[in-house]
């Protein structure tokens, strides 16, 4: 998938590659699958930020950020 984004007159282009076992699907179908996946991801991150205020946390020593992130996802 290729995304093109223009912000303040500056244009950027990104390519995303996906691995799938779906054969013979149209580009529109594949796009729908990819967008639904990212919709779920975005809802999870929003929920974690609203519940645990993840964006304001400052765990930076060693592996503490990753460890606490895993604990919050379990909760």
PDB file of N, CA and C in Angstrom:
ATOM      1  N   UNK A   1       0.850  -1.152   0.000  1.00  0.00           N
ATOM      2  CA  UNK A   1       0.000   0.000   0.000  1.00  0.00           C
ATOM      3  C   UNK A   1       0.902   1.222   0.000  1.00  0.00           C
ATOM      4  N   UNK A   2       0.544   2.202  -0.754  1.00  0.00           N
ATOM      5  CA  UNK A   2       1.313   3.434  -0.811  1.00  0.00           C
ATOM      6  C   UNK A   2       0.432   4.572  -0.332  1.00  0.00           C
ATOM      7  N   UNK A   3       0.952   5.352   0.603  1.00  0.00           N
ATOM      8  CA  UNK A   3       0.209   6.495   1.115  1.00  0.00           C
ATOM      9  C   UNK A   3       0.982   7.763   0.788  1.00  0.00           C
ATOM     10  N   UNK A   4       0.243   8.774   0.357  1.00  0.00           N
ATOM     11  CA  UNK A   4       0.817  10.073   0.047  1.00  0.00           C
ATOM     12  C   UNK A   4       0.132  11.084   0.950  1.00  0.00           C
ATOM     13  N   UNK A   5       0.945  11.906   1.619  1.00  0.00           N
ATOM     14  CA  UNK A   5       0.408  12.864   2.582  1.00  0.00           C
ATOM     15  C   UNK A   5       1.076  14.214   2.351  1.00  0.00           C
ATOM     16  N   UNK A   6       0.261  15.282   2.328  1.00  0.00           N
ATOM     17  CA  UNK A   6       0.776  16.630   2.168  1.00  0.00           C
ATOM     18  C   UNK A   6       0.405  17.452   3.390  1.00  0.00           C
ATOM     19  N   UNK A   7       1.423  18.002   4.067  1.00  0.00           N
ATOM     20  CA  UNK A   7       1.224  18.838   5.241  1.00  0.00           C
ATOM     21  C   UNK A   7       2.062  20.098   5.065  1.00  0.00           C
ATOM     22  N   UNK A   8       1.411  21.243   5.162  1.00  0.00           N
ATOM     23  CA  UNK A   8       2.089  22.541   5.026  1.00  0.00           C
ATOM     24  C   UNK A   8       2.931  22.621   3.747  1.00  0.00           C
ATOM     25  N   UNK A   9       2.414  22.086   2.665  1.00  0.00           N
ATOM     26  CA  UNK A   9       3.104  22.152   1.387  1.00  0.00           C
ATOM     27  C   UNK A   9       4.194  21.112   1.194  1.00  0.00           C
ATOM     28  N   UNK A  10       4.470  20.306   2.211  1.00  0.00           N
ATOM     29  CA  UNK A  10       5.487  19.258   2.114  1.00  0.00           C
ATOM     30  C   UNK A  10       4.797  17.909   1.913  1.00  0.00           C
ATOM     31  N   UNK A  11       5.172  17.204   0.860  1.00  0.00           N
ATOM     32  CA  UNK A  11       4.549  15.927   0.530  1.00  0.00           C
ATOM     33  C   UNK A  11       5.482  14.781   0.880  1.00  0.00           C
ATOM     34  N   UNK A  12       4.912  13.762   1.533  1.00  0.00           N
ATOM     35  CA  UNK A  12       5.687  12.558   1.844  1.00  0.00           C
ATOM     36  C   UNK A  12       4.950  11.347   1.308  1.00  0.00           C
ATOM     37  N   UNK A  13       5.707  10.331   0.969  1.00  0.00           N
ATOM     38  CA  UNK A  13       5.145   9.101   0.422  1.00  0.00           C
ATOM     39  C   UNK A  13       5.723   7.923   1.202  1.00  0.00           C
ATOM     40  N   UNK A  14       4.857   7.029   1.649  1.00  0.00           N
ATOM     41  CA  UNK A  14       5.303   5.843   2.381  1.00  0.00           C
ATOM     42  C   UNK A  14       4.720   4.606   1.730  1.00  0.00           C
ATOM     43  N   UNK A  15       5.477   3.523   1.755  1.00  0.00           N
ATOM     44  CA  UNK A  15       4.990   2.231   1.272  1.00  0.00           C
ATOM     45  C   UNK A  15       4.919   1.265   2.433  1.00  0.00           C
ATOM     46  N   UNK A  16       3.815   0.543   2.498  1.00  0.00           N
ATOM     47  CA  UNK A  16       3.600  -0.453   3.535  1.00  0.00           C
ATOM     48  C   UNK A  16       3.429  -1.804   2.846  1.00  0.00           C
ATOM     49  N   UNK A  17       4.111  -2.795   3.352  1.00  0.00           N
ATOM     50  CA  UNK A  17       4.033  -4.136   2.786  1.00  0.00           C
ATOM     51  C   UNK A  17       3.351  -5.055   3.782  1.00  0.00           C
ATOM     52  N   UNK A  18       2.473  -5.900   3.287  1.00  0.00           N
ATOM     53  CA  UNK A  18       1.728  -6.830   4.136  1.00  0.00           C
ATOM     54  C   UNK A  18       1.924  -8.245   3.630  1.00  0.00           C
ATOM     55  N   UNK A  19       1.952  -9.171   4.549  1.00  0.00           N
ATOM     56  CA  UNK A  19       2.043 -10.586   4.206  1.00  0.00           C
ATOM     57  C   UNK A  19       0.669 -11.192   4.453  1.00  0.00           C
ATOM     58  N   UNK A  20       0.160 -11.922   3.482  1.00  0.00           N
ATOM     59  CA  UNK A  20      -1.170 -12.496   3.608  1.00  0.00           C
ATOM     60  C   UNK A  20      -1.243 -13.815   2.847  1.00  0.00           C
ATOM     61  N   UNK A  21      -2.159 -14.664   3.284  1.00  0.00           N
ATOM     62  CA  UNK A  21      -2.380 -15.904   2.553  1.00  0.00           C
ATOM     63  C   UNK A  21      -3.620 -15.805   1.666  1.00  0.00           C
ATOM     64  N   UNK A  22      -4.180 -14.606   1.549  1.00  0.00           N
ATOM     65  CA  UNK A  22      -5.338 -14.399   0.691  1.00  0.00           C
ATOM     66  C   UNK A  22      -4.886 -14.380  -0.763  1.00  0.00           C
ATOM     67  N   UNK A  23      -5.537 -15.163  -1.586  1.00  0.00           N
ATOM     68  CA  UNK A  23      -5.161 -15.267  -2.989  1.00  0.00           C
ATOM     69  C   UNK A  23      -6.317 -14.759  -3.847  1.00  0.00           C
ATOM     70  N   UNK A  24      -5.999 -13.986  -4.868  1.00  0.00           N
ATOM     71  CA  UNK A  24      -7.008 -13.565  -5.828  1.00  0.00           C
ATOM     72  C   UNK A  24      -7.952 -12.495  -5.330  1.00  0.00           C
ATOM     73  N   UNK A  25      -7.559 -11.744  -4.316  1.00  0.00           N
ATOM     74  CA  UNK A  25      -8.418 -10.675  -3.803  1.00  0.00           C
ATOM     75  C   UNK A  25      -8.128  -9.382  -4.558  1.00  0.00           C
ATOM     76  N   UNK A  26      -9.137  -8.555  -4.680  1.00  0.00           N
ATOM     77  CA  UNK A  26      -8.964  -7.270  -5.359  1.00  0.00           C
ATOM     78  C   UNK A  26      -8.203  -6.304  -4.455  1.00  0.00           C
ATOM     79  N   UNK A  27      -7.691  -5.243  -5.051  1.00  0.00           N
ATOM     80  CA  UNK A  27      -6.969  -4.226  -4.282  1.00  0.00           C
ATOM     81  C   UNK A  27      -7.892  -3.575  -3.254  1.00  0.00           C
ATOM     82  N   UNK A  28      -9.152  -3.368  -3.607  1.00  0.00           N
ATOM     83  CA  UNK A  28     -10.104  -2.757  -2.677  1.00  0.00           C
ATOM     84  C   UNK A  28     -10.329  -3.651  -1.458  1.00  0.00           C
ATOM     85  N   UNK A  29     -10.415  -4.965  -1.677  1.00  0.00           N
ATOM     86  CA  UNK A  29     -10.605  -5.906  -0.570  1.00  0.00           C
ATOM     87  C   UNK A  29      -9.395  -5.907   0.341  1.00  0.00           C
ATOM     88  N   UNK A  30      -8.203  -5.921  -0.241  1.00  0.00           N
ATOM     89  CA  UNK A  30      -6.981  -5.908   0.565  1.00  0.00           C
ATOM     90  C   UNK A  30      -6.867  -4.605   1.358  1.00  0.00           C
ATOM     91  N   UNK A  31      -7.238  -3.494   0.749  1.00  0.00           N
ATOM     92  CA  UNK A  31      -7.211  -2.212   1.431  1.00  0.00           C
ATOM     93  C   UNK A  31      -8.171  -2.216   2.618  1.00  0.00           C
ATOM     94  N   UNK A  32      -9.344  -2.802   2.433  1.00  0.00           N
ATOM     95  CA  UNK A  32     -10.333  -2.884   3.518  1.00  0.00           C
ATOM     96  C   UNK A  32      -9.778  -3.700   4.686  1.00  0.00           C
ATOM     97  N   UNK A  33      -9.098  -4.819   4.391  1.00  0.00           N
ATOM     98  CA  UNK A  33      -8.480  -5.626   5.449  1.00  0.00           C
ATOM     99  C   UNK A  33      -7.419  -4.830   6.203  1.00  0.00           C
ATOM    100  N   UNK A  34      -6.568  -4.138   5.464  1.00  0.00           N
ATOM    101  CA  UNK A  34      -5.487  -3.366   6.097  1.00  0.00           C
ATOM    102  C   UNK A  34      -6.057  -2.247   6.960  1.00  0.00           C
ATOM    103  N   UNK A  35      -7.051  -1.529   6.449  1.00  0.00           N
ATOM    104  CA  UNK A  35      -7.642  -0.433   7.225  1.00  0.00           C
ATOM    105  C   UNK A  35      -8.363  -0.942   8.462  1.00  0.00           C
ATOM    106  N   UNK A  36      -9.021  -2.081   8.373  1.00  0.00           N
ATOM    107  CA  UNK A  36      -9.704  -2.604   9.555  1.00  0.00           C
ATOM    108  C   UNK A  36      -8.685  -3.018  10.615  1.00  0.00           C
ATOM    109  N   UNK A  37      -7.534  -3.556  10.181  1.00  0.00           N
ATOM    110  CA  UNK A  37      -6.489  -3.920  11.131  1.00  0.00           C
ATOM    111  C   UNK A  37      -5.990  -2.676  11.865  1.00  0.00           C
ATOM    112  N   UNK A  38      -5.692  -1.608  11.120  1.00  0.00           N
ATOM    113  CA  UNK A  38      -5.177  -0.404  11.753  1.00  0.00           C
ATOM    114  C   UNK A  38      -6.245   0.289  12.570  1.00  0.00           C
ATOM    115  N   UNK A  39      -7.511   0.128  12.217  1.00  0.00           N
ATOM    116  CA  UNK A  39      -8.580   0.683  13.039  1.00  0.00           C
ATOM    117  C   UNK A  39      -8.592   0.059  14.418  1.00  0.00           C
ATOM    118  N   UNK A  40      -8.392  -1.253  14.476  1.00  0.00           N
ATOM    119  CA  UNK A  40      -8.322  -1.960  15.762  1.00  0.00           C
ATOM    120  C   UNK A  40      -7.106  -1.484  16.545  1.00  0.00           C
ATOM    121  N   UNK A  41      -5.956  -1.369  15.885  1.00  0.00           N
ATOM    122  CA  UNK A  41      -4.736  -0.895  16.550  1.00  0.00           C
ATOM    123  C   UNK A  41      -4.941   0.499  17.124  1.00  0.00           C
ATOM    124  N   UNK A  42      -5.510   1.391  16.339  1.00  0.00           N
ATOM    125  CA  UNK A  42      -5.703   2.765  16.797  1.00  0.00           C
ATOM    126  C   UNK A  42      -6.654   2.827  17.980  1.00  0.00           C
ATOM    127  N   UNK A  43      -7.712   2.024  17.977  1.00  0.00           N
ATOM    128  CA  UNK A  43      -8.645   2.001  19.108  1.00  0.00           C
ATOM    129  C   UNK A  43      -7.961   1.498  20.363  1.00  0.00           C
ATOM    130  N   UNK A  44      -7.078   0.499  20.232  1.00  0.00           N
ATOM    131  CA  UNK A  44      -6.356  -0.021  21.385  1.00  0.00           C
ATOM    132  C   UNK A  44      -5.459   1.056  21.973  1.00  0.00           C
ATOM    133  N   UNK A  45      -4.707   1.755  21.135  1.00  0.00           N
ATOM    134  CA  UNK A  45      -3.805   2.787  21.640  1.00  0.00           C
ATOM    135  C   UNK A  45      -4.580   3.939  22.260  1.00  0.00           C
ATOM    136  N   UNK A  46      -5.720   4.292  21.691  1.00  0.00           N
ATOM    137  CA  UNK A  46      -6.538   5.360  22.262  1.00  0.00           C
ATOM    138  C   UNK A  46      -7.038   4.930  23.633  1.00  0.00           C
ATOM    139  N   UNK A  47      -7.500   3.696  23.736  1.00  0.00           N
ATOM    140  CA  UNK A  47      -7.998   3.178  25.009  1.00  0.00           C
ATOM    141  C   UNK A  47      -6.908   3.167  26.068  1.00  0.00           C
ATOM    142  N   UNK A  48      -5.710   2.722  25.704  1.00  0.00           N
ATOM    143  CA  UNK A  48      -4.602   2.699  26.662  1.00  0.00           C
ATOM    144  C   UNK A  48      -4.233   4.110  27.096  1.00  0.00           C
ATOM    145  N   UNK A  49      -4.276   5.065  26.176  1.00  0.00           N
ATOM    146  CA  UNK A  49      -3.927   6.431  26.537  1.00  0.00           C
ATOM    147  C   UNK A  49      -4.979   7.039  27.452  1.00  0.00           C
ATOM    148  N   UNK A  50      -6.253   6.789  27.176  1.00  0.00           N
ATOM    149  CA  UNK A  50      -7.307   7.361  28.007  1.00  0.00           C
ATOM    150  C   UNK A  50      -7.355   6.701  29.391  1.00  0.00           C
ATOM    151  N   UNK A  51      -7.135   5.405  29.443  1.00  0.00           N
ATOM    152  CA  UNK A  51      -7.224   4.677  30.713  1.00  0.00           C
ATOM    153  C   UNK A  51      -5.968   4.854  31.553  1.00  0.00           C
ATOM    154  N   UNK A  52      -4.818   4.683  30.948  1.00  0.00           N
ATOM    155  CA  UNK A  52      -3.554   4.684  31.685  1.00  0.00           C
ATOM    156  C   UNK A  52      -2.700   5.922  31.429  1.00  0.00           C
ATOM    157  N   UNK A  53      -3.192   6.837  30.577  1.00  0.00           N
ATOM    158  CA  UNK A  53      -2.460   8.057  30.223  1.00  0.00           C
ATOM    159  C   UNK A  53      -1.044   7.735  29.755  1.00  0.00           C
ATOM    160  N   UNK A  54      -0.946   6.765  28.844  1.00  0.00           N
ATOM    161  CA  UNK A  54       0.348   6.291  28.370  1.00  0.00           C
ATOM    162  C   UNK A  54       1.220   7.385  27.765  1.00  0.00           C
ATOM    163  N   UNK A  55       0.617   8.354  27.103  1.00  0.00           N
ATOM    164  CA  UNK A  55       1.414   9.388  26.442  1.00  0.00           C
ATOM    165  C   UNK A  55       2.160  10.280  27.433  1.00  0.00           C
ATOM    166  N   UNK A  56       1.734  10.309  28.698  1.00  0.00           N
ATOM    167  CA  UNK A  56       2.386  11.171  29.685  1.00  0.00           C
ATOM    168  C   UNK A  56       3.397  10.425  30.548  1.00  0.00           C
ATOM    169  N   UNK A  57       3.494   9.110  30.392  1.00  0.00           N
ATOM    170  CA  UNK A  57       4.398   8.325  31.233  1.00  0.00           C
ATOM    171  C   UNK A  57       5.855   8.542  30.826  1.00  0.00           C
ATOM    172  N   UNK A  58       6.759   8.435  31.797  1.00  0.00           N
ATOM    173  CA  UNK A  58       8.176   8.692  31.538  1.00  0.00           C
ATOM    174  C   UNK A  58       9.057   7.534  32.000  1.00  0.00           C
ATOM    175  N   UNK A  59       8.633   6.291  31.748  1.00  0.00           N
ATOM    176  CA  UNK A  59       9.450   5.125  32.091  1.00  0.00           C
ATOM    177  C   UNK A  59      10.531   4.996  31.035  1.00  0.00           C
ATOM    178  N   UNK A  60      11.781   5.245  31.415  1.00  0.00           N
ATOM    179  CA  UNK A  60      12.845   5.212  30.412  1.00  0.00           C
ATOM    180  C   UNK A  60      14.069   4.436  30.845  1.00  0.00           C
ATOM    181  N   UNK A  61      14.099   3.949  32.049  1.00  0.00           N
ATOM    182  CA  UNK A  61      15.291   3.263  32.540  1.00  0.00           C
ATOM    183  C   UNK A  61      15.207   1.785  32.182  1.00  0.00           C
ATOM    184  N   UNK A  62      16.247   1.284  31.534  1.00  0.00           N
ATOM    185  CA  UNK A  62      16.300  -0.131  31.171  1.00  0.00           C
ATOM    186  C   UNK A  62      15.127  -0.529  30.298  1.00  0.00           C
ATOM    187  N   UNK A  63      14.473  -1.608  30.682  1.00  0.00           N
ATOM    188  CA  UNK A  63      13.330  -2.141  29.929  1.00  0.00           C
ATOM    189  C   UNK A  63      11.996  -1.780  30.588  1.00  0.00           C
ATOM    190  N   UNK A  64      11.997  -0.811  31.480  1.00  0.00           N
ATOM    191  CA  UNK A  64      10.785  -0.505  32.238  1.00  0.00           C
ATOM    192  C   UNK A  64       9.623  -0.090  31.345  1.00  0.00           C
ATOM    193  N   UNK A  65       9.874   0.691  30.299  1.00  0.00           N
ATOM    194  CA  UNK A  65       8.786   1.136  29.425  1.00  0.00           C
ATOM    195  C   UNK A  65       8.104  -0.046  28.767  1.00  0.00           C
ATOM    196  N   UNK A  66       8.870  -0.972  28.232  1.00  0.00           N
ATOM    197  CA  UNK A  66       8.295  -2.148  27.579  1.00  0.00           C
ATOM    198  C   UNK A  66       7.595  -3.045  28.590  1.00  0.00           C
ATOM    199  N   UNK A  67       8.201  -3.252  29.753  1.00  0.00           N
ATOM    200  CA  UNK A  67       7.602  -4.116  30.778  1.00  0.00           C
ATOM    201  C   UNK A  67       6.258  -3.564  31.245  1.00  0.00           C
ATOM    202  N   UNK A  68       6.212  -2.255  31.554  1.00  0.00           N
ATOM    203  CA  UNK A  68       4.966  -1.674  32.016  1.00  0.00           C
ATOM    204  C   UNK A  68       3.919  -1.647  30.900  1.00  0.00           C
ATOM    205  N   UNK A  69       4.351  -1.462  29.671  1.00  0.00           N
ATOM    206  CA  UNK A  69       3.416  -1.480  28.548  1.00  0.00           C
ATOM    207  C   UNK A  69       2.732  -2.851  28.439  1.00  0.00           C
ATOM    208  N   UNK A  70       3.495  -3.900  28.597  1.00  0.00           N
ATOM    209  CA  UNK A  70       2.913  -5.256  28.545  1.00  0.00           C
ATOM    210  C   UNK A  70       1.945  -5.481  29.690  1.00  0.00           C
ATOM    211  N   UNK A  71       2.274  -4.995  30.871  1.00  0.00           N
ATOM    212  CA  UNK A  71       1.377  -5.144  32.026  1.00  0.00           C
ATOM    213  C   UNK A  71       0.070  -4.399  31.774  1.00  0.00           C
ATOM    214  N   UNK A  72       0.157  -3.179  31.221  1.00  0.00           N
ATOM    215  CA  UNK A  72      -1.065  -2.414  30.941  1.00  0.00           C
ATOM    216  C   UNK A  72      -1.929  -3.122  29.915  1.00  0.00           C
ATOM    217  N   UNK A  73      -1.341  -3.743  28.921  1.00  0.00           N
ATOM    218  CA  UNK A  73      -2.128  -4.456  27.916  1.00  0.00           C
ATOM    219  C   UNK A  73      -2.827  -5.671  28.524  1.00  0.00           C
ATOM    220  N   UNK A  74      -2.181  -6.324  29.465  1.00  0.00           N
ATOM    221  CA  UNK A  74      -2.831  -7.442  30.159  1.00  0.00           C
ATOM    222  C   UNK A  74      -4.000  -6.957  31.005  1.00  0.00           C
ATOM    223  N   UNK A  75      -3.824  -5.784  31.615  1.00  0.00           N
ATOM    224  CA  UNK A  75      -4.893  -5.230  32.462  1.00  0.00           C
ATOM    225  C   UNK A  75      -6.073  -4.843  31.603  1.00  0.00           C
TER     226      UNK A  75
END
